[in-house]
Structure formats: C-alpha cells, structure tokens
C-alpha cells in the first residue's frame, strides 16, 4: 500500500470515528448538549482536527442523517424483491421495513425521528434529494393501491402514508423509551397498526387530516414526531 492510499485509509478511519462518536453522544446526551469539543474528547483528538473533517456540528448531523436515510432505503436486492409483490403486500413490506429500521438501527432512528433539537434537512436541499425521492416512491406505492382498487378512489396517498408512518414512529418511540405495558410486544403492535390502518383505509372513512402534497415539502411529511422537521436552537460549536 502506497503512502497516498495509507493516508486516505487513515483519514477515512478518523472520519468514521467522528461519526460514530457523535452519533453515540447525540443520542445519549441530546444534540443540543453536545459540542465539537465533546466529540473530540471522545476520540481523543483536538477540536481543530474535527473541524478539518466537518465545518460544524450540523454538518456531522447531516452526514449521519444521510447514512440513516440510505440504511432506511435498503439495499438494491431488497428493492428488487419488493417490486414483484402485489401493491398491498408491497405496502405491508415497506412499512414493516420502516419499523424494523428502528429496531436494527435505534441510534439512527432516535437521532432522525426523536431528537427535537436537530437541524432541518431542508437546509441541505440538494444533498437530501434522494430522501425526497424515497418518500415520493412510498407515496406512489399508496397511489398504486388506489389504482389497483385496494383503496377507494378518494384515498389521499400522502395522508395514508403519514397515518401509517406517524403511528409506527409512536410504537418505535414507546419501545425505545421502555414505555410499553406488561406483556405488550412492540413488534405485534407495529404489525397490528399496519393492518388496522389498511383495513380502515379500505373502508373509505372520511378523514379530517390534511397533508400538503407538494413534493418539495415531502421532507416534512413525518414532521409531528420527527426532529427532522424542526430547527436547531444551538449555535454551531
């Protein structure tokens, strides 16, 4: 291995160490309570060294959020497997995967959907274009259920998506915060939520809720529970 390759490998290792340390600190102490100095102390580097990798604490968060969204999106093989399923089974699998993300990657989930002090991803519009595409795809899956006659023609796909997503986030938060009652099983609750909402949508209820359908605002579509829809109150440090 040449000098250049070794330097690049070492730099990637430090980059990874910064992200891992920051993710753990953001989750354990809360985003607003963590400074660049704290991250530097965790990996035994100077704050100046951290700034050579990330200009600000917000930039560290954006890098972690980008990783989280890509993990949530899944692997190409998983997407190909979903494509062959009937529309309703595809919806079930997609939202089961959404809930499983909170189980398999609890730190990413907590940072992306629970902490209210993190910066808005809309600050990095181009960087998170793929995340909007993912949400557009999920809403489109709801529309395909409407087109296939699974849901009534009046079903609003954006609202249907939000109903399921916010409900699953609630179960995930209860599981992560150990707020479940004796004998309650979060996995069963998540599955029951998906099936109950599907059955409810099929019955064609009149819904009071309204969700903006502008694709440019889709990054806010889980905003009730998600820290991603709220602004940071802490200066970059």
C-alpha atoms as a PDB file:
ATOM      1  CA  UNK A   1       0.000   0.000   0.000  1.00  0.00           C
ATOM      2  CA  UNK A   2       1.383   3.377  -1.030  1.00  0.00           C
ATOM      3  CA  UNK A   3       1.663   6.477   1.141  1.00  0.00           C
ATOM      4  CA  UNK A   4      -1.318   8.160  -0.520  1.00  0.00           C
ATOM      5  CA  UNK A   5      -3.528   5.100  -0.068  1.00  0.00           C
ATOM      6  CA  UNK A   6      -2.461   4.745   3.572  1.00  0.00           C
ATOM      7  CA  UNK A   7      -3.216   8.415   4.247  1.00  0.00           C
ATOM      8  CA  UNK A   8      -6.618   8.063   2.631  1.00  0.00           C
ATOM      9  CA  UNK A   9      -7.369   4.944   4.679  1.00  0.00           C
ATOM     10  CA  UNK A  10      -6.338   6.722   7.893  1.00  0.00           C
ATOM     11  CA  UNK A  11      -8.461   9.730   7.023  1.00  0.00           C
ATOM     12  CA  UNK A  12     -11.488   7.516   6.362  1.00  0.00           C
ATOM     13  CA  UNK A  13     -10.935   5.793   9.715  1.00  0.00           C
ATOM     14  CA  UNK A  14     -10.927   9.126  11.562  1.00  0.00           C
ATOM     15  CA  UNK A  15     -13.983  10.266   9.598  1.00  0.00           C
ATOM     16  CA  UNK A  16     -15.789   7.116  10.693  1.00  0.00           C
ATOM     17  CA  UNK A  17     -14.657   7.510  14.296  1.00  0.00           C
ATOM     18  CA  UNK A  18     -16.010  11.071  14.406  1.00  0.00           C
ATOM     19  CA  UNK A  19     -19.400   9.983  13.076  1.00  0.00           C
ATOM     20  CA  UNK A  20     -19.659   7.017  15.447  1.00  0.00           C
ATOM     21  CA  UNK A  21     -18.676   9.091  18.474  1.00  0.00           C
ATOM     22  CA  UNK A  22     -21.019  11.922  17.530  1.00  0.00           C
ATOM     23  CA  UNK A  23     -23.939   9.550  16.939  1.00  0.00           C
ATOM     24  CA  UNK A  24     -23.482   7.972  20.366  1.00  0.00           C
ATOM     25  CA  UNK A  25     -23.175  11.360  22.078  1.00  0.00           C
ATOM     26  CA  UNK A  26     -26.106  12.934  20.220  1.00  0.00           C
ATOM     27  CA  UNK A  27     -28.347  10.056  21.275  1.00  0.00           C
ATOM     28  CA  UNK A  28     -27.139   9.710  24.865  1.00  0.00           C
ATOM     29  CA  UNK A  29     -26.883  13.428  25.719  1.00  0.00           C
ATOM     30  CA  UNK A  30     -29.140  15.114  23.159  1.00  0.00           C
ATOM     31  CA  UNK A  31     -27.969  17.001  20.090  1.00  0.00           C
ATOM     32  CA  UNK A  32     -28.102  20.450  21.666  1.00  0.00           C
ATOM     33  CA  UNK A  33     -25.950  19.326  24.615  1.00  0.00           C
ATOM     34  CA  UNK A  34     -23.061  18.046  22.506  1.00  0.00           C
ATOM     35  CA  UNK A  35     -20.281  20.274  21.224  1.00  0.00           C
ATOM     36  CA  UNK A  36     -17.459  19.668  18.785  1.00  0.00           C
ATOM     37  CA  UNK A  37     -15.167  19.653  21.811  1.00  0.00           C
ATOM     38  CA  UNK A  38     -17.089  16.763  23.374  1.00  0.00           C
ATOM     39  CA  UNK A  39     -16.840  14.763  20.163  1.00  0.00           C
ATOM     40  CA  UNK A  40     -13.111  15.485  20.006  1.00  0.00           C
ATOM     41  CA  UNK A  41     -12.617  14.363  23.607  1.00  0.00           C
ATOM     42  CA  UNK A  42     -14.471  11.116  22.916  1.00  0.00           C
ATOM     43  CA  UNK A  43     -12.000  10.109  20.192  1.00  0.00           C
ATOM     44  CA  UNK A  44      -9.011  11.827  21.851  1.00  0.00           C
ATOM     45  CA  UNK A  45      -8.480  14.375  19.088  1.00  0.00           C
ATOM     46  CA  UNK A  46      -8.307  18.145  19.210  1.00  0.00           C
ATOM     47  CA  UNK A  47     -11.375  20.204  18.210  1.00  0.00           C
ATOM     48  CA  UNK A  48      -9.300  21.723  15.408  1.00  0.00           C
ATOM     49  CA  UNK A  49      -8.809  18.246  13.971  1.00  0.00           C
ATOM     50  CA  UNK A  50     -12.576  17.665  13.897  1.00  0.00           C
ATOM     51  CA  UNK A  51     -13.099  20.910  12.008  1.00  0.00           C
ATOM     52  CA  UNK A  52     -10.738  19.660   9.302  1.00  0.00           C
ATOM     53  CA  UNK A  53     -13.316  16.931   8.603  1.00  0.00           C
ATOM     54  CA  UNK A  54     -16.589  18.744   9.348  1.00  0.00           C
ATOM     55  CA  UNK A  55     -17.063  22.543   9.298  1.00  0.00           C
ATOM     56  CA  UNK A  56     -19.711  22.399  12.043  1.00  0.00           C
ATOM     57  CA  UNK A  57     -21.714  20.165  14.339  1.00  0.00           C
ATOM     58  CA  UNK A  58     -24.655  20.478  11.960  1.00  0.00           C
ATOM     59  CA  UNK A  59     -22.521  19.017   9.180  1.00  0.00           C
ATOM     60  CA  UNK A  60     -21.831  15.973  11.341  1.00  0.00           C
ATOM     61  CA  UNK A  61     -25.557  15.544  11.861  1.00  0.00           C
ATOM     62  CA  UNK A  62     -26.278  15.870   8.141  1.00  0.00           C
ATOM     63  CA  UNK A  63     -23.704  13.168   7.390  1.00  0.00           C
ATOM     64  CA  UNK A  64     -25.346  10.870   9.948  1.00  0.00           C
ATOM     65  CA  UNK A  65     -28.837  11.645   8.643  1.00  0.00           C
ATOM     66  CA  UNK A  66     -27.703  10.839   5.115  1.00  0.00           C
ATOM     67  CA  UNK A  67     -26.347   7.489   6.310  1.00  0.00           C
ATOM     68  CA  UNK A  68     -29.591   6.848   8.157  1.00  0.00           C
ATOM     69  CA  UNK A  69     -31.784   7.551   5.150  1.00  0.00           C
ATOM     70  CA  UNK A  70     -29.676   5.246   2.998  1.00  0.00           C
ATOM     71  CA  UNK A  71     -29.991   2.489   5.601  1.00  0.00           C
ATOM     72  CA  UNK A  72     -33.732   3.099   5.735  1.00  0.00           C
ATOM     73  CA  UNK A  73     -33.982   2.950   1.954  1.00  0.00           C
ATOM     74  CA  UNK A  74     -32.423  -0.519   1.945  1.00  0.00           C
ATOM     75  CA  UNK A  75     -30.272  -2.479  -0.450  1.00  0.00           C
ATOM     76  CA  UNK A  76     -30.922  -2.790  -4.161  1.00  0.00           C
ATOM     77  CA  UNK A  77     -31.723  -6.511  -3.813  1.00  0.00           C
ATOM     78  CA  UNK A  78     -34.395  -5.691  -1.233  1.00  0.00           C
ATOM     79  CA  UNK A  79     -35.980  -3.129  -3.564  1.00  0.00           C
ATOM     80  CA  UNK A  80     -35.994  -5.605  -6.452  1.00  0.00           C
ATOM     81  CA  UNK A  81     -37.724  -8.186  -4.248  1.00  0.00           C
ATOM     82  CA  UNK A  82     -40.424  -5.661  -3.313  1.00  0.00           C
ATOM     83  CA  UNK A  83     -41.078  -4.768  -6.931  1.00  0.00           C
ATOM     84  CA  UNK A  84     -42.565  -8.193  -7.733  1.00  0.00           C
ATOM     85  CA  UNK A  85     -45.100  -8.111  -4.871  1.00  0.00           C
ATOM     86  CA  UNK A  86     -48.758  -7.120  -5.322  1.00  0.00           C
ATOM     87  CA  UNK A  87     -49.388  -3.476  -4.296  1.00  0.00           C
ATOM     88  CA  UNK A  88     -50.904  -4.231  -0.880  1.00  0.00           C
ATOM     89  CA  UNK A  89     -48.219  -6.752   0.072  1.00  0.00           C
ATOM     90  CA  UNK A  90     -45.623  -4.215  -1.043  1.00  0.00           C
ATOM     91  CA  UNK A  91     -47.125  -1.628   1.319  1.00  0.00           C
ATOM     92  CA  UNK A  92     -47.030  -4.113   4.173  1.00  0.00           C
ATOM     93  CA  UNK A  93     -43.392  -4.987   3.484  1.00  0.00           C
ATOM     94  CA  UNK A  94     -42.320  -1.355   3.118  1.00  0.00           C
ATOM     95  CA  UNK A  95     -43.796  -0.257   6.434  1.00  0.00           C
ATOM     96  CA  UNK A  96     -42.600  -3.377   8.194  1.00  0.00           C
ATOM     97  CA  UNK A  97     -39.130  -2.399   6.969  1.00  0.00           C
ATOM     98  CA  UNK A  98     -39.659   1.138   8.257  1.00  0.00           C
ATOM     99  CA  UNK A  99     -40.422  -0.182  11.738  1.00  0.00           C
ATOM    100  CA  UNK A 100     -37.553  -2.705  11.596  1.00  0.00           C
ATOM    101  CA  UNK A 101     -35.206   0.221  10.909  1.00  0.00           C
ATOM    102  CA  UNK A 102     -35.973   1.488  14.417  1.00  0.00           C
ATOM    103  CA  UNK A 103     -35.160  -1.968  15.805  1.00  0.00           C
ATOM    104  CA  UNK A 104     -31.984  -2.596  13.815  1.00  0.00           C
ATOM    105  CA  UNK A 105     -30.617   0.965  13.926  1.00  0.00           C
ATOM    106  CA  UNK A 106     -32.011   2.541  17.117  1.00  0.00           C
ATOM    107  CA  UNK A 107     -29.382   5.280  17.342  1.00  0.00           C
ATOM    108  CA  UNK A 108     -30.014   6.489  13.794  1.00  0.00           C
ATOM    109  CA  UNK A 109     -33.762   6.294  14.371  1.00  0.00           C
ATOM    110  CA  UNK A 110     -33.567   8.274  17.627  1.00  0.00           C
ATOM    111  CA  UNK A 111     -31.435  10.948  16.038  1.00  0.00           C
ATOM    112  CA  UNK A 112     -33.562  11.247  12.904  1.00  0.00           C
ATOM    113  CA  UNK A 113     -37.052  10.928  14.372  1.00  0.00           C
ATOM    114  CA  UNK A 114     -36.967  11.690  18.102  1.00  0.00           C
ATOM    115  CA  UNK A 115     -34.470  14.461  18.992  1.00  0.00           C
ATOM    116  CA  UNK A 116     -36.321  17.768  18.592  1.00  0.00           C
ATOM    117  CA  UNK A 117     -33.176  19.921  18.558  1.00  0.00           C
ATOM    118  CA  UNK A 118     -31.501  18.643  15.391  1.00  0.00           C
ATOM    119  CA  UNK A 119     -31.282  20.892  12.309  1.00  0.00           C
ATOM    120  CA  UNK A 120     -33.748  20.661   9.433  1.00  0.00           C
ATOM    121  CA  UNK A 121     -32.645  18.586   6.476  1.00  0.00           C
ATOM    122  CA  UNK A 122     -34.295  21.168   4.232  1.00  0.00           C
ATOM    123  CA  UNK A 123     -31.184  23.276   4.912  1.00  0.00           C
ATOM    124  CA  UNK A 124     -29.364  20.775   2.707  1.00  0.00           C
ATOM    125  CA  UNK A 125     -31.928  20.584  -0.107  1.00  0.00           C
ATOM    126  CA  UNK A 126     -29.706  19.108  -2.817  1.00  0.00           C
ATOM    127  CA  UNK A 127     -27.893  16.727  -0.512  1.00  0.00           C
ATOM    128  CA  UNK A 128     -31.150  15.093   0.569  1.00  0.00           C
ATOM    129  CA  UNK A 129     -32.809  14.995  -2.846  1.00  0.00           C
ATOM    130  CA  UNK A 130     -32.618  11.200  -2.689  1.00  0.00           C
ATOM    131  CA  UNK A 131     -34.586  11.218   0.585  1.00  0.00           C
ATOM    132  CA  UNK A 132     -37.408  13.132  -1.096  1.00  0.00           C
ATOM    133  CA  UNK A 133     -37.287  10.629  -3.941  1.00  0.00           C
ATOM    134  CA  UNK A 134     -37.650   7.796  -1.412  1.00  0.00           C
ATOM    135  CA  UNK A 135     -40.715   9.431   0.125  1.00  0.00           C
ATOM    136  CA  UNK A 136     -42.144  10.137  -3.321  1.00  0.00           C
ATOM    137  CA  UNK A 137     -41.710   6.430  -4.039  1.00  0.00           C
ATOM    138  CA  UNK A 138     -43.524   5.459  -0.826  1.00  0.00           C
ATOM    139  CA  UNK A 139     -46.422   7.767  -1.607  1.00  0.00           C
ATOM    140  CA  UNK A 140     -46.520   6.325  -5.121  1.00  0.00           C
ATOM    141  CA  UNK A 141     -46.914   2.846  -3.614  1.00  0.00           C
ATOM    142  CA  UNK A 142     -50.030   4.108  -1.843  1.00  0.00           C
ATOM    143  CA  UNK A 143     -51.298   5.534  -5.125  1.00  0.00           C
ATOM    144  CA  UNK A 144     -50.745   2.178  -6.797  1.00  0.00           C
ATOM    145  CA  UNK A 145     -53.003   0.592  -4.180  1.00  0.00           C
ATOM    146  CA  UNK A 146     -55.655   3.162  -5.105  1.00  0.00           C
ATOM    147  CA  UNK A 147     -55.166   2.475  -8.825  1.00  0.00           C
ATOM    148  CA  UNK A 148     -55.436  -1.272  -8.203  1.00  0.00           C
ATOM    149  CA  UNK A 149     -58.737  -0.841  -6.354  1.00  0.00           C
ATOM    150  CA  UNK A 150     -57.268  -1.895  -2.998  1.00  0.00           C
ATOM    151  CA  UNK A 151     -58.138   1.507  -1.512  1.00  0.00           C
ATOM    152  CA  UNK A 152     -61.136   3.661  -2.507  1.00  0.00           C
ATOM    153  CA  UNK A 153     -60.580   6.292  -5.255  1.00  0.00           C
ATOM    154  CA  UNK A 154     -60.930   9.139  -2.746  1.00  0.00           C
ATOM    155  CA  UNK A 155     -57.938   7.905  -0.693  1.00  0.00           C
ATOM    156  CA  UNK A 156     -55.254  10.569  -0.366  1.00  0.00           C
ATOM    157  CA  UNK A 157     -51.900   8.751  -0.776  1.00  0.00           C
ATOM    158  CA  UNK A 158     -49.887  11.429   1.065  1.00  0.00           C
ATOM    159  CA  UNK A 159     -52.248  11.273   4.034  1.00  0.00           C
ATOM    160  CA  UNK A 160     -52.326   7.466   4.004  1.00  0.00           C
ATOM    161  CA  UNK A 161     -48.527   7.432   4.109  1.00  0.00           C
ATOM    162  CA  UNK A 162     -48.478   9.841   7.029  1.00  0.00           C
ATOM    163  CA  UNK A 163     -51.060   7.914   9.020  1.00  0.00           C
ATOM    164  CA  UNK A 164     -49.012   4.736   8.901  1.00  0.00           C
ATOM    165  CA  UNK A 165     -45.610   6.384   9.353  1.00  0.00           C
ATOM    166  CA  UNK A 166     -46.528   8.515  12.372  1.00  0.00           C
ATOM    167  CA  UNK A 167     -48.256   5.582  14.062  1.00  0.00           C
ATOM    168  CA  UNK A 168     -45.229   3.342  13.594  1.00  0.00           C
ATOM    169  CA  UNK A 169     -42.917   6.059  14.876  1.00  0.00           C
ATOM    170  CA  UNK A 170     -45.070   6.203  18.008  1.00  0.00           C
ATOM    171  CA  UNK A 171     -44.680   2.471  18.638  1.00  0.00           C
ATOM    172  CA  UNK A 172     -40.950   2.649  17.958  1.00  0.00           C
ATOM    173  CA  UNK A 173     -40.539   5.516  20.439  1.00  0.00           C
ATOM    174  CA  UNK A 174     -42.503   3.613  23.082  1.00  0.00           C
ATOM    175  CA  UNK A 175     -40.250   0.591  22.594  1.00  0.00           C
ATOM    176  CA  UNK A 176     -37.028   2.626  22.660  1.00  0.00           C
ATOM    177  CA  UNK A 177     -38.108   4.544  25.778  1.00  0.00           C
ATOM    178  CA  UNK A 178     -39.310   1.382  27.532  1.00  0.00           C
ATOM    179  CA  UNK A 179     -42.864   2.731  27.857  1.00  0.00           C
ATOM    180  CA  UNK A 180     -44.694  -0.460  26.888  1.00  0.00           C
ATOM    181  CA  UNK A 181     -47.023  -2.051  29.395  1.00  0.00           C
ATOM    182  CA  UNK A 182     -46.554  -5.502  30.917  1.00  0.00           C
ATOM    183  CA  UNK A 183     -46.924  -8.170  28.269  1.00  0.00           C
ATOM    184  CA  UNK A 184     -47.062  -5.689  25.384  1.00  0.00           C
ATOM    185  CA  UNK A 185     -44.989  -6.548  22.343  1.00  0.00           C
ATOM    186  CA  UNK A 186     -43.850  -3.683  20.114  1.00  0.00           C
ATOM    187  CA  UNK A 187     -43.445  -5.916  17.058  1.00  0.00           C
ATOM    188  CA  UNK A 188     -47.046  -7.107  17.400  1.00  0.00           C
ATOM    189  CA  UNK A 189     -48.269  -3.545  17.930  1.00  0.00           C
ATOM    190  CA  UNK A 190     -46.468  -2.395  14.790  1.00  0.00           C
ATOM    191  CA  UNK A 191     -47.999  -5.178  12.711  1.00  0.00           C
ATOM    192  CA  UNK A 192     -51.450  -4.513  14.155  1.00  0.00           C
ATOM    193  CA  UNK A 193     -51.114  -0.812  13.341  1.00  0.00           C
ATOM    194  CA  UNK A 194     -50.317  -1.523   9.689  1.00  0.00           C
ATOM    195  CA  UNK A 195     -53.205  -3.991   9.351  1.00  0.00           C
ATOM    196  CA  UNK A 196     -55.668  -1.748  11.201  1.00  0.00           C
ATOM    197  CA  UNK A 197     -54.851   1.307   9.099  1.00  0.00           C
ATOM    198  CA  UNK A 198     -55.034  -0.745   5.901  1.00  0.00           C
ATOM    199  CA  UNK A 199     -58.462  -2.056   6.928  1.00  0.00           C
ATOM    200  CA  UNK A 200     -59.554   1.450   7.861  1.00  0.00           C
ATOM    201  CA  UNK A 201     -58.446   2.900   4.532  1.00  0.00           C
ATOM    202  CA  UNK A 202     -60.219   0.126   2.673  1.00  0.00           C
ATOM    203  CA  UNK A 203     -63.438   1.062   4.485  1.00  0.00           C
ATOM    204  CA  UNK A 204     -63.202   4.563   2.998  1.00  0.00           C
ATOM    205  CA  UNK A 205     -63.546   6.727   6.130  1.00  0.00           C
ATOM    206  CA  UNK A 206     -63.880  10.492   5.963  1.00  0.00           C
ATOM    207  CA  UNK A 207     -60.574  11.797   7.291  1.00  0.00           C
ATOM    208  CA  UNK A 208     -60.179  15.184   8.947  1.00  0.00           C
ATOM    209  CA  UNK A 209     -56.425  15.420   8.481  1.00  0.00           C
ATOM    210  CA  UNK A 210     -54.786  17.233   5.593  1.00  0.00           C
ATOM    211  CA  UNK A 211     -51.244  16.829   4.306  1.00  0.00           C
ATOM    212  CA  UNK A 212     -49.526  19.096   1.796  1.00  0.00           C
ATOM    213  CA  UNK A 213     -48.923  17.124  -1.408  1.00  0.00           C
ATOM    214  CA  UNK A 214     -46.163  19.362  -2.780  1.00  0.00           C
ATOM    215  CA  UNK A 215     -43.173  17.046  -3.468  1.00  0.00           C
ATOM    216  CA  UNK A 216     -40.821  19.805  -2.337  1.00  0.00           C
ATOM    217  CA  UNK A 217     -42.303  19.530   1.162  1.00  0.00           C
ATOM    218  CA  UNK A 218     -42.092  15.779   1.478  1.00  0.00           C
ATOM    219  CA  UNK A 219     -39.089  16.012   3.763  1.00  0.00           C
ATOM    220  CA  UNK A 220     -41.533  17.396   6.344  1.00  0.00           C
ATOM    221  CA  UNK A 221     -44.064  14.582   5.905  1.00  0.00           C
ATOM    222  CA  UNK A 222     -43.294  12.839   9.196  1.00  0.00           C
ATOM    223  CA  UNK A 223     -42.933  16.152  10.977  1.00  0.00           C
ATOM    224  CA  UNK A 224     -45.152  15.562  14.026  1.00  0.00           C
ATOM    225  CA  UNK A 225     -42.681  13.175  15.658  1.00  0.00           C
ATOM    226  CA  UNK A 226     -39.592  13.857  13.622  1.00  0.00           C
ATOM    227  CA  UNK A 227     -36.767  16.110  14.708  1.00  0.00           C
ATOM    228  CA  UNK A 228     -36.009  16.464  11.016  1.00  0.00           C
ATOM    229  CA  UNK A 229     -38.816  18.978  10.744  1.00  0.00           C
ATOM    230  CA  UNK A 230     -37.515  21.250  13.470  1.00  0.00           C
ATOM    231  CA  UNK A 231     -34.713  23.731  13.627  1.00  0.00           C
ATOM    232  CA  UNK A 232     -31.645  23.629  15.809  1.00  0.00           C
ATOM    233  CA  UNK A 233     -31.592  26.112  18.662  1.00  0.00           C
ATOM    234  CA  UNK A 234     -27.890  25.786  19.352  1.00  0.00           C
ATOM    235  CA  UNK A 235     -25.143  27.744  17.567  1.00  0.00           C
ATOM    236  CA  UNK A 236     -22.543  25.734  15.728  1.00  0.00           C
ATOM    237  CA  UNK A 237     -19.824  24.833  18.166  1.00  0.00           C
END
